[in-house]
Amino acid sequence: MISWKGVKLSWLGHDGFKIVTANDVIAIDPYKISVKSNDKASVLFITHEHFDHCSPSDIRKVIDDRTIVIAPEIARDCLRSFDNEKIFVKPGERYNEPIPFETVPAYNVNKFRAPGVVFHPKEDGRVGYVIDVGFRLYHAGDTDFVPEMRGLEAEVALLPVSGTYVMTPEEAAEAVKSMKGVKLAVPMHWGTIVGSVKDALKFKELVEPLGIEVIVPEREAW
């Protein structure tokens, strides 16, 4: 578990996180998680519709009927079976409820499924989130290093590093350099489906000389 200014962050594997603040239990993109607690998320953030980010079977493990679900429009069908209050968002917007957060575009510029066709097109509206948890925490979702990251302010940055569908360690390090105020960086999107701890450690090697703390997390249960 990572503790930062009284906030507890648990990496659930892949892009999944549990974030516990004084007021909220926040879940982000749970996938193939194990559960050891009876905690239920007050807020669930989904970055996009792909099965390893919007997994109904895993979502059911962490929510109850009071959980507010936040997701981009492209994840609407994935979430159709849930009767929870839902807030569907667009990239590049700010919201004050249920907790303050911003959406950041998440898309590919150089990761292709076919010639000229990227895995995550910008026009599909997938997102990352900057969430106010007493400090600004950025979960990038599935993305390359995109122009919208330049100058983005966040104290804690959770960034994908596995390449193939998302940033490589080198690209993620460049993204951190371009941002403002990052004090802690956590590599994600490795160890499941694609990527390994070698990618996370390479990211750490590149970023720590910038004076930014990097924690390569151990997978935890919810």
Protein backbone atom coordinates (compact mmCIF):
# COMPACT_ATOMS: atom_id res chain seq x y z
CA MET A 1 0.00 0.00 0.00
CA ILE A 2 1.15 3.52 -0.80
CA SER A 3 0.39 6.19 1.78
CA TRP A 4 0.58 9.80 0.63
CA LYS A 5 -0.58 12.69 2.81
CA GLY A 6 -3.01 10.46 4.65
CA VAL A 7 -4.48 8.95 1.49
CA LYS A 8 -4.04 5.21 0.93
CA LEU A 9 -3.48 3.92 -2.60
CA SER A 10 -3.63 0.22 -3.39
CA TRP A 11 -2.71 -1.09 -6.83
CA LEU A 12 -5.18 -3.85 -7.71
CA GLY A 13 -3.23 -4.96 -10.77
CA HIS A 14 -3.23 -3.69 -14.36
CA ASP A 15 -4.83 -0.18 -14.25
CA GLY A 16 -6.93 -0.85 -11.16
CA PHE A 17 -6.64 1.17 -7.95
CA LYS A 18 -8.37 1.51 -4.61
CA ILE A 19 -7.97 4.96 -3.09
CA VAL A 20 -9.09 5.58 0.48
CA THR A 21 -9.44 9.14 1.75
CA ALA A 22 -10.95 10.51 4.95
CA ASN A 23 -14.32 10.76 3.21
CA ASP A 24 -14.38 8.36 0.29
CA VAL A 25 -13.43 4.95 -1.00
CA ILE A 26 -12.63 5.33 -4.70
CA ALA A 27 -12.26 2.54 -7.24
CA ILE A 28 -10.67 2.96 -10.67
CA ASP A 29 -10.83 0.34 -13.45
CA PRO A 30 -10.94 -2.86 -11.32
CA TYR A 31 -9.96 -5.94 -13.35
CA LYS A 32 -9.24 -9.51 -12.20
CA ILE A 33 -9.09 -8.33 -8.62
CA SER A 34 -9.13 -10.32 -5.42
CA VAL A 35 -11.18 -9.11 -2.47
CA LYS A 36 -10.31 -9.29 1.21
CA SER A 37 -12.31 -6.41 2.70
CA ASN A 38 -15.97 -5.50 2.96
CA ASP A 39 -15.31 -1.98 1.69
CA LYS A 40 -17.57 -0.68 -1.04
CA ALA A 41 -16.63 2.21 -3.29
CA SER A 42 -18.47 5.47 -2.80
CA VAL A 43 -17.27 6.48 -6.28
CA LEU A 44 -16.21 4.28 -9.20
CA PHE A 45 -14.23 5.79 -12.07
CA ILE A 46 -14.09 3.92 -15.39
CA THR A 47 -11.69 5.25 -18.02
CA HIS A 48 -13.15 3.42 -21.04
CA GLU A 49 -15.09 0.44 -22.28
CA HIS A 50 -12.43 -2.18 -22.96
CA PHE A 51 -12.87 -5.43 -21.02
CA ASP A 52 -9.76 -4.89 -18.92
CA HIS A 53 -11.02 -1.52 -17.69
CA CYS A 54 -14.79 -1.91 -17.60
CA SER A 55 -15.27 -5.41 -16.19
CA PRO A 56 -18.83 -5.92 -14.87
CA SER A 57 -17.83 -8.98 -12.82
CA ASP A 58 -15.12 -7.01 -11.04
CA ILE A 59 -17.26 -3.90 -10.68
CA ARG A 60 -19.84 -5.98 -8.78
CA LYS A 61 -17.17 -6.89 -6.24
CA VAL A 62 -16.50 -3.29 -5.21
CA ILE A 63 -19.79 -1.37 -5.46
CA ASP A 64 -23.18 -1.32 -3.78
CA ASP A 65 -26.37 0.52 -4.68
CA ARG A 66 -25.01 3.79 -3.22
CA THR A 67 -21.91 3.90 -5.42
CA ILE A 68 -21.83 6.68 -8.00
CA VAL A 69 -20.32 5.55 -11.30
CA ILE A 70 -18.36 7.96 -13.50
CA ALA A 71 -17.43 6.97 -17.04
CA PRO A 72 -17.15 8.30 -20.60
CA GLU A 73 -20.06 7.81 -22.99
CA ILE A 74 -18.26 4.98 -24.79
CA ALA A 75 -18.62 2.84 -21.64
CA ARG A 76 -22.39 3.26 -21.44
CA ASP A 77 -23.21 -0.19 -22.84
CA CYS A 78 -20.72 -1.89 -20.55
CA LEU A 79 -22.44 -0.34 -17.54
CA ARG A 80 -26.02 -0.90 -18.68
CA SER A 81 -26.68 -3.71 -16.20
CA PHE A 82 -26.01 -1.46 -13.20
CA ASP A 83 -28.81 0.65 -11.72
CA ASN A 84 -26.45 2.98 -9.89
CA GLU A 85 -26.42 6.71 -10.39
CA LYS A 86 -24.15 7.30 -13.37
CA ILE A 87 -22.38 10.40 -14.61
CA PHE A 88 -21.23 10.15 -18.22
CA VAL A 89 -18.39 12.53 -19.02
CA LYS A 90 -16.50 13.99 -21.93
CA PRO A 91 -12.77 14.72 -22.19
CA GLY A 92 -11.47 18.10 -21.10
CA GLU A 93 -14.18 18.99 -18.59
CA ARG A 94 -14.35 19.80 -14.86
CA TYR A 95 -16.91 18.46 -12.41
CA ASN A 96 -17.60 19.24 -8.75
CA GLU A 97 -19.82 16.29 -7.86
CA PRO A 98 -19.67 13.78 -6.28
CA ILE A 99 -16.07 14.86 -5.67
CA PRO A 100 -14.06 17.41 -7.64
CA PHE A 101 -12.41 15.90 -10.72
CA GLU A 102 -11.34 16.71 -14.26
CA THR A 103 -11.29 14.57 -17.38
CA VAL A 104 -8.19 14.40 -19.56
CA PRO A 105 -8.27 13.01 -23.12
CA ALA A 106 -6.75 9.52 -23.38
CA TYR A 107 -5.84 8.30 -26.85
CA ASN A 108 -3.09 6.90 -29.06
CA VAL A 109 -0.86 8.75 -31.48
CA ASN A 110 1.57 5.96 -32.40
CA LYS A 111 0.10 2.59 -31.32
CA PHE A 112 -1.71 0.96 -34.25
CA ARG A 113 -4.05 -2.02 -34.60
CA ALA A 114 -3.84 -1.67 -38.39
CA PRO A 115 -2.08 0.76 -40.73
CA GLY A 116 -3.37 4.21 -39.85
CA VAL A 117 -5.78 2.88 -37.20
CA VAL A 118 -4.79 3.42 -33.57
CA PHE A 119 -6.06 1.29 -30.69
CA HIS A 120 -7.62 4.23 -28.87
CA PRO A 121 -8.77 6.96 -31.30
CA LYS A 122 -9.12 10.45 -29.87
CA GLU A 123 -12.61 10.88 -31.31
CA ASP A 124 -13.93 7.98 -29.20
CA GLY A 125 -13.80 10.14 -26.08
CA ARG A 126 -11.88 7.91 -23.68
CA VAL A 127 -10.50 9.65 -20.61
CA GLY A 128 -8.06 9.80 -17.76
CA TYR A 129 -8.98 11.59 -14.55
CA VAL A 130 -7.44 14.20 -12.28
CA ILE A 131 -9.19 13.60 -8.96
CA ASP A 132 -9.04 15.94 -5.96
CA VAL A 133 -8.27 13.69 -2.99
CA GLY A 134 -6.71 16.49 -0.92
CA PHE A 135 -4.12 16.76 -3.67
CA ARG A 136 -4.39 16.33 -7.43
CA LEU A 137 -4.09 12.68 -8.44
CA TYR A 138 -3.90 11.83 -12.14
CA HIS A 139 -4.89 8.42 -13.46
CA ALA A 140 -4.02 8.54 -17.15
CA GLY A 141 -6.10 5.61 -18.43
CA ASP A 142 -4.96 3.99 -21.69
CA THR A 143 -3.05 6.64 -23.56
CA ASP A 144 0.09 7.72 -25.31
CA PHE A 145 2.00 10.85 -24.37
CA VAL A 146 -0.48 13.35 -25.79
CA PRO A 147 -0.31 17.16 -25.97
CA GLU A 148 -2.99 17.53 -23.29
CA MET A 149 -0.51 16.19 -20.72
CA ARG A 150 1.87 19.09 -21.23
CA GLY A 151 1.52 21.46 -18.30
CA LEU A 152 -1.03 19.24 -16.57
CA GLU A 153 -0.79 19.82 -12.82
CA ALA A 154 -0.81 16.81 -10.53
CA GLU A 155 1.06 15.84 -7.40
CA VAL A 156 0.64 12.09 -7.93
CA ALA A 157 0.64 10.54 -11.42
CA LEU A 158 -0.46 6.98 -12.22
CA LEU A 159 0.85 6.24 -15.71
CA PRO A 160 0.76 3.23 -18.07
CA VAL A 161 4.20 2.00 -19.11
CA SER A 162 3.86 -1.32 -20.96
CA GLY A 163 3.92 -0.10 -24.55
CA THR A 164 1.93 -1.94 -27.27
CA TYR A 165 -1.39 -0.23 -26.45
CA VAL A 166 -0.11 2.61 -24.25
CA MET A 167 3.06 4.57 -23.49
CA THR A 168 6.43 2.86 -23.28
CA PRO A 169 8.52 3.57 -20.16
CA GLU A 170 10.47 6.15 -22.16
CA GLU A 171 7.31 7.89 -23.36
CA ALA A 172 5.81 7.87 -19.87
CA ALA A 173 8.98 9.45 -18.51
CA GLU A 174 8.74 12.20 -21.12
CA ALA A 175 5.11 12.74 -20.11
CA VAL A 176 6.13 13.20 -16.47
CA LYS A 177 8.79 15.71 -17.50
CA SER A 178 6.16 17.76 -19.31
CA MET A 179 3.76 17.89 -16.37
CA LYS A 180 3.80 20.32 -13.43
CA GLY A 181 4.17 19.53 -9.77
CA VAL A 182 4.56 15.77 -9.89
CA LYS A 183 6.13 14.47 -6.68
CA LEU A 184 5.15 10.81 -6.88
CA ALA A 185 4.80 8.66 -10.00
CA VAL A 186 3.41 5.12 -10.04
CA PRO A 187 3.75 2.89 -13.13
CA MET A 188 0.68 0.83 -14.07
CA HIS A 189 -0.64 -1.26 -17.00
CA TRP A 190 1.93 -4.01 -16.56
CA GLY A 191 1.90 -7.57 -15.25
CA THR A 192 -1.50 -8.44 -16.78
CA ILE A 193 -2.12 -8.90 -20.52
CA VAL A 194 0.98 -6.96 -21.56
CA GLY A 195 4.12 -5.54 -19.95
CA SER A 196 6.22 -6.72 -17.03
CA VAL A 197 7.96 -5.40 -13.96
CA LYS A 198 10.93 -4.64 -16.23
CA ASP A 199 8.85 -1.86 -17.81
CA ALA A 200 7.97 -0.46 -14.39
CA LEU A 201 11.58 -0.55 -13.27
CA LYS A 202 12.76 1.12 -16.48
CA PHE A 203 10.28 3.92 -15.85
CA LYS A 204 11.62 4.27 -12.31
CA GLU A 205 15.20 4.42 -13.62
CA LEU A 206 14.28 7.24 -16.02
CA VAL A 207 12.12 9.32 -13.69
CA GLU A 208 13.88 9.25 -10.33
CA PRO A 209 16.80 11.38 -11.61
CA LEU A 210 14.20 14.13 -12.15
CA GLY A 211 13.79 14.35 -8.37
CA ILE A 212 10.41 12.60 -8.48
CA GLU A 213 9.72 9.66 -6.19
CA VAL A 214 8.71 6.52 -8.08
CA ILE A 215 7.04 3.57 -6.37
CA VAL A 216 6.74 0.30 -8.27
CA PRO A 217 3.71 -1.12 -6.47
CA GLU A 218 2.98 -4.64 -5.36
CA ARG A 219 -0.40 -6.01 -6.34
CA GLU A 220 -2.93 -5.94 -3.50
CA ALA A 221 -6.45 -7.20 -2.88
CA TRP A 222 -9.39 -4.82 -2.63
